[in-house]
Structure formats: C-alpha cells, structure tokens
Amino acid sequence: MREPVTACIALGANLGDARYTVMQAIKYIDHISGCSVMATSRLYRTAPWQAQGPDFVNAVVRIETHLTAPELLQALQALELAAGRERPYVNAPRTLDLDILLYGAGRIDSPELTVPHPRMMQRAFVLYPLADVWPDFVQLKDLQRVQDQPISRLD
C-alpha cells in the first residue's frame, strides 16, 4: 500500500439543501476506500464568486489518503455525480462541487487537475475554511487580501 498523503478538499454547494449536501459529502469522503478525514472546517455561507445563483455553503476537509491524485479526483467526481452535479456552463450553480486544493507537497499541472488549486489564494470561501483545518498554511496576509469578499460562519 502507498504511503499516506495529506490532501485538502474544498466543498461547496448552492442548489437544493446545500448545507445537508456538504455535510453528507464530508461523510462520504471519509468512506472512500483509502481516505480518512483528519479535520473538518466550520461551514461558511458566501455569495457566489464569479458565479451565479443562491449563496453557497462552503467547507474544507483535510484528509490522509493512499490514493493517487487522479484516483482521488475520480472518486470526488463520482460523489459530485451522485449528488446530481451538472456542468451546463462554467461556474453554473451546483448541487456539489469538490476541488482538490492541496495534495501533499505535490505540484500537478495536467488537463484534468492542477494542484495546488490555481485560484485558492484569491478566494475567501477557500481560505477561511482552509485556515480552520490547516492554520499554519494560511497566513494573516492571505485573509487580509480577501477581506472584501463577504463570508459568514454558519453556526
């Protein structure tokens, strides 16, 4: 078996019962063979960023996985599909969106996957929950850079 890798996954939804969908997705990620959720962020509500539709519910999980990055991506896309994810156009509203933010110290640049996620440092809906699960990774200056993007915790 491969050595485990720490990865971070962003979760978001803005169609249907988004809060429930994100919470269920976290449970499903923990049940993917070869994956174990190590930390889960709080839930956050954000207005669509460069997208349309209702507000999003967002979270981030930090996992340990024995899967390769492409295998993890495939498993996450299967969860999106099971949740009814459709991709009619770029940034369309979605029932579930799962993005690999970080995969160990690895850098991947393929047509299917780019890691680290190329826009994660520009998005409050990623940085705030990422700070919850990996506070040493997110710097104060990173949060200050996105402070004009509305975000609120769901408690």
Protein backbone atom coordinates (compact mmCIF):
# COMPACT_ATOMS: atom_id res chain seq x y z
CA MET A 1 0.00 0.00 0.00
CA ARG A 2 1.18 3.51 -0.81
CA GLU A 3 2.33 5.84 1.96
CA PRO A 4 -0.46 8.22 3.02
CA VAL A 5 -0.53 11.75 1.62
CA THR A 6 -2.20 14.73 3.28
CA ALA A 7 -4.64 16.47 0.95
CA CYS A 8 -7.17 19.27 1.34
CA ILE A 9 -10.51 19.29 -0.44
CA ALA A 10 -12.86 22.26 -0.81
CA LEU A 11 -16.59 21.54 -0.73
CA GLY A 12 -19.31 23.87 -1.96
CA ALA A 13 -22.98 23.74 -2.91
CA ASN A 14 -25.66 26.28 -3.75
CA LEU A 15 -28.58 24.23 -5.06
CA GLY A 16 -31.07 22.20 -3.05
CA ASP A 17 -30.31 21.69 0.64
CA ALA A 18 -26.72 22.86 0.31
CA ARG A 19 -25.86 22.55 3.99
CA TYR A 20 -27.08 18.94 4.14
CA THR A 21 -25.31 18.09 0.88
CA VAL A 22 -21.96 19.42 2.11
CA MET A 23 -22.30 17.59 5.44
CA GLN A 24 -23.16 14.31 3.65
CA ALA A 25 -20.25 14.78 1.24
CA ILE A 26 -17.86 15.05 4.18
CA LYS A 27 -19.15 11.70 5.47
CA TYR A 28 -18.86 10.15 2.01
CA ILE A 29 -15.27 11.39 1.60
CA ASP A 30 -14.41 9.70 4.90
CA HIS A 31 -15.83 6.46 3.48
CA ILE A 32 -13.86 6.50 0.22
CA SER A 33 -11.55 3.49 0.33
CA GLY A 34 -8.05 4.74 1.09
CA CYS A 35 -9.21 8.10 2.55
CA SER A 36 -9.63 9.30 6.10
CA VAL A 37 -10.90 12.75 7.12
CA MET A 38 -8.49 14.22 9.67
CA ALA A 39 -10.05 17.67 10.14
CA THR A 40 -13.23 19.43 9.04
CA SER A 41 -13.73 23.18 8.89
CA ARG A 42 -16.74 25.08 10.05
CA LEU A 43 -19.42 25.69 7.45
CA TYR A 44 -19.43 29.09 5.77
CA ARG A 45 -22.01 30.98 3.73
CA THR A 46 -20.76 33.03 0.79
CA ALA A 47 -22.28 34.89 -2.09
CA PRO A 48 -21.45 33.38 -5.48
CA TRP A 49 -17.95 34.43 -6.52
CA GLN A 50 -17.63 34.77 -10.28
CA ALA A 51 -20.71 32.54 -10.43
CA GLN A 52 -24.50 32.79 -10.34
CA GLY A 53 -27.34 31.54 -8.17
CA PRO A 54 -28.09 31.43 -4.46
CA ASP A 55 -25.48 31.72 -1.71
CA PHE A 56 -23.04 28.86 -1.30
CA VAL A 57 -22.33 26.69 1.69
CA ASN A 58 -18.58 26.02 1.79
CA ALA A 59 -16.19 23.91 3.84
CA VAL A 60 -12.75 22.30 3.61
CA VAL A 61 -11.59 18.90 4.82
CA ARG A 62 -8.03 17.77 5.40
CA ILE A 63 -7.60 14.09 4.67
CA GLU A 64 -4.99 11.41 4.61
CA THR A 65 -5.19 9.27 1.51
CA HIS A 66 -3.45 6.32 -0.06
CA LEU A 67 -4.99 7.22 -3.44
CA THR A 68 -3.04 8.91 -6.18
CA ALA A 69 -4.24 12.40 -7.08
CA PRO A 70 -6.01 11.18 -10.25
CA GLU A 71 -7.70 8.38 -8.27
CA LEU A 72 -8.84 10.88 -5.64
CA LEU A 73 -10.16 13.21 -8.35
CA GLN A 74 -12.09 10.34 -9.93
CA ALA A 75 -13.64 9.39 -6.55
CA LEU A 76 -14.62 13.01 -5.86
CA GLN A 77 -16.17 13.42 -9.30
CA ALA A 78 -18.21 10.27 -8.67
CA LEU A 79 -19.55 11.89 -5.46
CA GLU A 80 -20.44 15.04 -7.40
CA LEU A 81 -22.28 12.99 -10.00
CA ALA A 82 -24.15 11.04 -7.31
CA ALA A 83 -25.25 14.38 -5.82
CA GLY A 84 -26.70 15.42 -9.18
CA ARG A 85 -23.88 17.69 -10.33
CA GLU A 86 -24.38 19.03 -13.83
CA ARG A 87 -21.97 21.23 -15.77
CA PRO A 88 -24.11 23.12 -18.29
CA TYR A 89 -21.66 26.06 -18.37
CA VAL A 90 -18.63 27.42 -16.49
CA ASN A 91 -19.44 28.44 -12.90
CA ALA A 92 -23.04 27.23 -13.13
CA PRO A 93 -24.93 26.77 -9.85
CA ARG A 94 -24.20 23.34 -8.44
CA THR A 95 -25.56 20.69 -6.13
CA LEU A 96 -22.00 19.81 -5.08
CA ASP A 97 -18.54 21.00 -6.03
CA LEU A 98 -15.42 19.20 -4.77
CA ASP A 99 -11.97 20.57 -5.55
CA ILE A 100 -8.57 19.19 -4.58
CA LEU A 101 -6.74 22.20 -3.15
CA LEU A 102 -3.54 20.53 -2.00
CA TYR A 103 -2.10 17.05 -2.46
CA GLY A 104 0.94 16.66 -0.23
CA ALA A 105 3.74 18.90 -1.41
CA GLY A 106 2.98 17.83 -4.95
CA ARG A 107 2.53 20.02 -7.96
CA ILE A 108 0.33 18.73 -10.74
CA ASP A 109 -0.42 20.52 -13.97
CA SER A 110 -2.48 18.36 -16.30
CA PRO A 111 -5.60 19.00 -18.38
CA GLU A 112 -7.65 17.21 -15.69
CA LEU A 113 -6.08 18.54 -12.50
CA THR A 114 -3.96 21.44 -11.26
CA VAL A 115 -2.58 21.26 -7.71
CA PRO A 116 -2.16 23.41 -5.74
CA HIS A 117 -5.51 24.80 -6.87
CA PRO A 118 -4.58 27.82 -9.00
CA ARG A 119 -7.13 30.27 -7.54
CA MET A 120 -7.39 29.15 -3.92
CA MET A 121 -5.35 32.07 -2.54
CA GLN A 122 -7.77 34.55 -4.15
CA ARG A 123 -10.96 33.19 -2.58
CA ALA A 124 -12.29 33.87 0.90
CA PHE A 125 -14.61 30.84 0.60
CA VAL A 126 -11.50 28.66 0.38
CA LEU A 127 -9.06 30.46 2.66
CA TYR A 128 -11.26 30.82 5.75
CA PRO A 129 -12.25 27.13 5.94
CA LEU A 130 -8.70 26.11 4.94
CA ALA A 131 -7.42 28.14 7.91
CA ASP A 132 -9.73 26.10 10.15
CA VAL A 133 -8.17 22.78 9.11
CA TRP A 134 -4.59 23.93 8.45
CA PRO A 135 -3.92 27.17 10.33
CA ASP A 136 -0.17 27.04 9.66
CA PHE A 137 -0.78 27.09 5.92
CA VAL A 138 -2.97 30.23 5.73
CA GLN A 139 -1.24 33.47 6.71
CA LEU A 140 -2.94 36.59 8.10
CA LYS A 141 -1.90 38.46 4.94
CA ASP A 142 -3.78 35.86 2.87
CA LEU A 143 -7.01 36.54 4.80
CA GLN A 144 -6.46 40.30 4.59
CA ARG A 145 -6.14 40.04 0.80
CA VAL A 146 -9.71 38.63 0.55
CA GLN A 147 -11.35 40.65 3.32
CA ASP A 148 -13.59 42.47 0.83
CA GLN A 149 -15.30 39.18 -0.11
CA PRO A 150 -18.40 38.63 2.08
CA ILE A 151 -18.28 35.44 4.13
CA SER A 152 -20.06 34.35 7.31
CA ARG A 153 -19.85 31.30 9.53
CA LEU A 154 -22.88 29.06 9.81
CA ASP A 155 -23.28 28.04 13.43
